[in-house]
Protein backbone atom coordinates (compact mmCIF):
# COMPACT_ATOMS: atom_id res chain seq x y z
CA MET A 1 -0.06 -0.18 0.09
CA ALA A 2 1.29 3.51 -0.93
CA ASP A 3 2.53 5.60 1.43
CA LEU A 4 -0.35 9.15 1.35
CA SER A 5 1.16 10.64 4.60
CA LYS A 6 2.44 13.31 2.56
CA ARG A 7 -0.42 13.12 -0.21
CA CYS A 8 -4.04 13.32 1.48
CA GLY A 9 -5.76 16.54 1.20
CA LEU A 10 -8.60 14.71 -0.32
CA LYS A 11 -9.03 12.66 2.29
CA GLY A 12 -12.97 11.40 3.38
CA GLN A 13 -14.01 12.78 0.13
CA VAL A 14 -16.22 11.10 -2.91
CA ALA A 15 -15.06 11.69 -6.10
CA LEU A 16 -16.73 10.50 -9.32
CA VAL A 17 -14.62 10.17 -12.57
CA VAL A 18 -16.70 9.54 -15.65
CA GLY A 19 -14.85 8.17 -18.43
CA ALA A 20 -12.09 6.61 -16.21
CA SER A 21 -11.04 3.33 -18.19
CA ARG A 22 -8.11 4.50 -19.73
CA GLY A 23 -5.98 7.36 -20.54
CA ILE A 24 -6.42 10.72 -18.65
CA GLY A 25 -9.36 9.32 -16.83
CA LYS A 26 -7.49 6.55 -15.44
CA ALA A 27 -5.02 8.95 -14.75
CA ILE A 28 -7.29 11.09 -12.96
CA ALA A 29 -9.10 8.08 -10.84
CA LEU A 30 -5.79 6.93 -9.65
CA ARG A 31 -4.39 10.70 -8.97
CA LEU A 32 -7.49 11.32 -6.80
CA ALA A 33 -7.08 8.10 -4.70
CA GLN A 34 -3.48 8.86 -4.06
CA ASP A 35 -4.63 11.94 -2.96
CA GLY A 36 -6.60 9.99 -0.16
CA ALA A 37 -10.11 10.80 -2.50
CA ASP A 38 -12.59 7.36 -2.47
CA VAL A 39 -13.33 6.79 -6.33
CA ALA A 40 -16.33 5.78 -7.92
CA LEU A 41 -15.56 5.05 -11.62
CA ALA A 42 -17.98 5.11 -14.90
CA ALA A 43 -17.28 4.02 -18.41
CA ARG A 44 -18.90 1.80 -21.03
CA THR A 45 -16.00 -1.18 -20.42
CA ILE A 46 -17.05 -2.57 -16.89
CA ALA A 47 -13.82 -4.89 -17.22
CA ALA A 48 -11.29 -2.01 -17.90
CA LEU A 49 -12.72 -0.10 -14.70
CA GLU A 50 -12.75 -3.02 -12.39
CA GLU A 51 -8.84 -3.22 -13.25
CA VAL A 52 -8.27 0.35 -12.36
CA CYS A 53 -10.10 -0.23 -9.09
CA ILE A 54 -7.95 -2.90 -7.85
CA GLU A 55 -5.11 -0.23 -8.71
CA ILE A 56 -6.74 2.18 -6.36
CA ARG A 57 -7.70 -0.26 -3.91
CA ASP A 58 -3.83 -1.31 -3.61
CA ILE A 59 -3.29 2.69 -3.12
CA GLY A 60 -5.38 2.85 -0.18
CA PRO A 61 -9.14 3.90 -0.61
CA ARG A 62 -12.27 2.49 -1.60
CA ALA A 63 -13.28 2.06 -5.47
CA LEU A 64 -16.76 1.25 -7.06
CA ALA A 65 -16.50 0.60 -11.24
CA ILE A 66 -20.08 1.16 -12.39
CA GLU A 67 -20.96 0.75 -16.54
CA ALA A 68 -22.69 3.46 -17.80
CA ASP A 69 -23.39 5.23 -21.37
CA VAL A 70 -23.76 8.85 -20.45
CA CYS A 71 -26.12 9.29 -23.53
CA ASN A 72 -28.77 7.21 -21.60
CA GLN A 73 -30.39 9.32 -18.48
CA ALA A 74 -31.46 6.28 -16.82
CA ASP A 75 -27.71 4.87 -17.05
CA VAL A 76 -26.60 8.58 -15.61
CA GLU A 77 -29.12 8.65 -12.41
CA THR A 78 -28.04 4.80 -11.99
CA MET A 79 -24.43 5.81 -11.66
CA VAL A 80 -25.15 8.39 -9.19
CA ALA A 81 -27.35 6.63 -7.34
CA ARG A 82 -24.96 3.82 -7.03
CA THR A 83 -22.41 6.06 -5.66
CA VAL A 84 -24.64 7.75 -3.30
CA GLU A 85 -25.49 3.87 -1.83
CA ALA A 86 -21.57 3.29 -1.11
CA PHE A 87 -20.52 6.53 -0.30
CA GLY A 88 -23.24 8.78 0.93
CA HIS A 89 -22.87 11.76 -1.50
CA VAL A 90 -20.12 13.05 -4.15
CA ASP A 91 -18.16 15.62 -3.48
CA ILE A 92 -16.17 15.92 -6.83
CA LEU A 93 -17.16 15.07 -10.15
CA VAL A 94 -14.76 15.04 -12.93
CA TYR A 95 -16.13 14.65 -16.56
CA ASN A 96 -13.93 12.86 -19.26
CA SER A 97 -16.08 11.24 -21.35
CA GLY A 98 -15.23 11.68 -24.92
CA VAL A 99 -15.67 11.25 -28.45
CA LEU A 100 -14.08 12.49 -31.63
CA TRP A 101 -14.30 11.88 -35.11
CA VAL A 102 -11.74 13.62 -37.58
CA ALA A 103 -13.62 15.10 -40.69
CA PRO A 104 -14.21 18.74 -42.40
CA VAL A 105 -17.46 20.29 -41.71
CA ALA A 106 -18.84 19.47 -45.14
CA GLU A 107 -18.28 15.48 -44.38
CA THR A 108 -19.82 15.76 -40.96
CA SER A 109 -22.76 13.27 -41.13
CA ASP A 110 -25.92 14.35 -38.40
CA GLU A 111 -25.04 10.99 -36.91
CA ILE A 112 -21.59 12.28 -35.65
CA TRP A 113 -23.01 15.45 -34.95
CA GLU A 114 -25.26 13.68 -32.86
CA LYS A 115 -22.96 11.75 -31.02
CA THR A 116 -20.03 14.05 -30.38
CA LEU A 117 -22.58 16.33 -28.66
CA GLY A 118 -24.49 13.53 -27.43
CA VAL A 119 -21.14 12.70 -25.04
CA ASN A 120 -19.27 15.44 -24.96
CA LEU A 121 -21.65 18.11 -24.24
CA VAL A 122 -25.00 16.73 -23.36
CA GLY A 123 -23.83 13.83 -21.46
CA ALA A 124 -21.91 16.48 -19.33
CA ALA A 125 -24.88 18.72 -18.50
CA ARG A 126 -26.82 15.65 -17.63
CA THR A 127 -24.01 14.44 -15.28
CA VAL A 128 -23.61 17.65 -13.03
CA ARG A 129 -27.98 17.56 -12.81
CA GLU A 130 -28.02 14.03 -11.13
CA VAL A 131 -24.39 14.82 -9.07
CA LEU A 132 -26.20 18.20 -7.66
CA GLY A 133 -29.41 16.42 -7.07
CA ARG A 134 -28.97 12.97 -6.36
CA GLY A 135 -25.25 13.35 -5.82
CA ARG A 136 -26.37 15.74 -2.81
CA MET A 137 -24.06 18.76 -3.85
CA LEU A 138 -26.79 21.08 -3.56
CA GLU A 139 -28.26 19.63 -0.42
CA ARG A 140 -24.76 20.06 1.58
CA GLN A 141 -23.96 23.24 -0.47
CA GLN A 142 -20.06 21.90 -1.26
CA GLY A 143 -18.39 20.47 -4.34
CA ARG A 144 -16.21 20.74 -7.05
CA ILE A 145 -17.32 19.85 -10.55
CA ILE A 146 -14.53 19.66 -13.35
CA PHE A 147 -14.68 19.03 -16.73
CA VAL A 148 -11.79 17.58 -18.80
CA ALA A 149 -12.29 20.23 -21.73
CA SER A 150 -9.45 20.86 -24.52
CA GLU A 151 -7.94 23.29 -26.03
CA ALA A 152 -10.35 22.97 -29.11
CA GLY A 153 -12.88 24.49 -26.88
CA LYS A 154 -11.11 27.69 -27.26
CA VAL A 155 -9.52 27.66 -31.28
CA GLY A 156 -10.79 26.11 -34.38
CA GLU A 157 -8.90 22.94 -35.77
CA LEU A 158 -8.73 21.69 -38.59
CA GLY A 159 -11.16 18.57 -39.23
CA LEU A 160 -12.21 18.93 -35.80
CA GLY A 161 -15.79 21.03 -36.53
CA ALA A 162 -17.78 18.61 -34.19
CA TYR A 163 -15.34 18.03 -31.59
CA ALA A 164 -14.52 21.75 -31.41
CA ALA A 165 -18.13 23.13 -30.96
CA SER A 166 -18.97 20.70 -28.29
CA LYS A 167 -15.74 21.94 -26.10
CA HIS A 168 -16.74 25.34 -26.95
CA GLY A 169 -20.14 24.14 -25.46
CA MET A 170 -18.66 22.86 -22.90
CA LEU A 171 -16.83 25.66 -21.29
CA GLY A 172 -20.15 27.80 -21.98
CA LEU A 173 -21.27 25.37 -19.60
CA ILE A 174 -18.73 25.35 -17.07
CA ARG A 175 -19.11 29.38 -16.79
CA CYS A 176 -22.72 29.49 -16.15
CA LEU A 177 -22.26 26.87 -13.83
CA GLY A 178 -19.65 28.54 -11.98
CA LEU A 179 -21.97 31.74 -11.75
CA GLU A 180 -24.98 29.57 -10.72
CA LEU A 181 -23.26 27.29 -7.87
CA GLY A 182 -21.15 29.88 -6.59
CA PRO A 183 -23.43 31.38 -4.11
CA GLU A 184 -23.67 27.23 -3.01
CA GLY A 185 -20.53 26.60 -2.03
CA ILE A 186 -19.97 24.29 -5.76
CA THR A 187 -17.11 25.41 -7.78
CA ALA A 188 -17.15 24.65 -11.37
CA ASN A 189 -13.67 24.57 -13.57
CA ALA A 190 -12.26 22.80 -16.43
CA VAL A 191 -8.91 21.36 -18.06
CA CYS A 192 -8.05 22.32 -21.55
CA PRO A 193 -5.30 20.21 -22.75
CA GLY A 194 -3.65 20.02 -25.73
CA LEU A 195 -1.93 17.36 -27.10
CA ILE A 196 -1.62 14.57 -24.63
CA HIS A 197 -0.16 11.32 -25.46
CA THR A 198 -3.06 8.79 -25.15
CA GLU A 199 -4.30 6.01 -28.00
CA MET A 200 -6.82 8.79 -28.92
CA ALA A 201 -4.41 11.35 -29.62
CA GLU A 202 -2.12 9.09 -31.72
CA ASN A 203 -4.84 8.69 -33.76
CA VAL A 204 -5.88 12.54 -33.99
CA ILE A 205 -2.21 13.34 -34.78
CA ARG A 206 -2.57 10.71 -37.55
CA ASP A 207 -5.76 12.33 -39.40
CA VAL A 208 -5.55 15.64 -38.27
CA GLY A 209 -1.56 15.63 -39.38
CA LYS A 210 -2.36 15.01 -42.78
CA MET A 211 -3.95 18.65 -42.82
CA TYR A 212 -0.81 20.41 -41.91
CA GLY A 213 1.64 18.21 -43.67
CA ALA A 214 2.77 15.83 -40.53
CA PRO A 215 5.57 12.91 -41.07
CA ASP A 216 3.88 9.69 -42.03
CA ASN A 217 6.22 7.77 -39.28
CA ASN A 218 4.00 7.79 -35.89
CA ALA A 219 7.27 8.30 -33.86
CA ALA A 220 8.25 11.20 -36.03
CA ARG A 221 4.74 12.87 -35.88
CA LEU A 222 5.30 12.76 -32.00
CA GLU A 223 8.15 14.77 -32.31
CA TRP A 224 6.64 16.88 -35.42
CA ALA A 225 3.67 17.81 -32.37
CA LYS A 226 6.05 19.13 -29.67
CA ASP A 227 6.05 22.05 -32.21
CA PHE A 228 2.73 23.07 -31.18
CA ASP A 229 3.81 23.05 -26.86
CA PRO A 230 5.74 25.93 -25.62
CA GLN A 231 7.94 23.37 -23.60
CA LYS A 232 8.42 21.45 -26.92
CA ARG A 233 7.43 18.18 -25.12
CA VAL A 234 4.42 15.65 -25.41
CA ALA A 235 2.50 15.69 -22.06
CA VAL A 236 1.42 12.40 -20.32
CA PRO A 237 -2.03 11.90 -18.48
CA GLU A 238 -0.50 11.91 -15.41
CA ASP A 239 0.27 15.79 -16.10
CA ALA A 240 -3.91 16.23 -16.65
CA ALA A 241 -4.92 14.41 -13.39
CA ALA A 242 -2.41 16.78 -11.77
CA VAL A 243 -4.27 20.10 -12.69
CA VAL A 244 -7.59 17.84 -12.28
CA ALA A 245 -6.39 17.50 -8.23
CA TYR A 246 -5.22 21.05 -8.30
CA LEU A 247 -9.22 22.04 -9.26
CA ALA A 248 -10.46 19.60 -6.61
CA SER A 249 -8.20 20.56 -3.53
CA ASP A 250 -8.93 23.60 -1.35
CA ASP A 251 -6.27 25.42 -2.72
CA ALA A 252 -7.99 26.12 -5.84
CA GLY A 253 -11.23 27.09 -3.49
CA ALA A 254 -11.68 30.67 -4.94
CA MET A 255 -11.46 29.55 -8.67
CA THR A 256 -14.79 29.03 -10.43
CA GLY A 257 -15.79 29.35 -13.94
CA GLN A 258 -12.36 29.13 -15.09
CA ALA A 259 -10.60 27.25 -18.13
CA LEU A 260 -7.12 26.14 -17.76
CA ASN A 261 -4.96 25.80 -20.28
CA MET A 262 -2.46 23.03 -19.95
CA ALA A 263 0.33 21.41 -22.78
CA THR A 264 -1.06 23.75 -25.82
CA LYS A 265 0.56 26.63 -27.49
CA ILE A 266 -0.71 29.82 -25.95
CA VAL A 267 -4.38 30.77 -26.46
């Protein structure tokens, strides 16, 4: 079991991480557990979630895996209800679920628009609504709502019309939540990553990179992508998790309605 004596700022708190089976979501769940929080993890792939739960329990806190599709209202209700049944309430919501297709707007189908907005934006709003009520945030007048948005929520990107639109919507939602929930003792913020080295990111670099003249070789493309980062590096999921952990902590208690850039060109 890990020694948490130097990092237990979230001990006694309950986090719900949506989209936690891999990549950034998995790193966030593990980091919040390292900081002392009990963690409910949700995604569509229960087997992967169970593996993350084992890692969390080895760290020390409690963990619960919940299979859920954020496009299904009943699933979201059950997800929050099971978290409350197991842990009593929700202190921290991290919404990391997201989908992405690369296509020019002229070639983006209604199906892609509906799926992208449904997961990235409507799913976020639906989950917040349930956590505020069923998760008891409003009742307890305390909580942290954190969206994993994107640099694409602030700028346009070639081939990412639907994705960028959904992430712009997320940032509009987080700003409104900051205004609405501030008097209730609840903060709402977002982290906006640029390039984070995940399987999804490699696919995006491959497909979008063609429009920018990127190299054909995957390793060479990653080197090419470093030019989009002021530090000339490719960030890893743990970098994003550290920003989320900050937003979940008391240190960020005076911050709400904000969208923090990381691993991105200055926008």
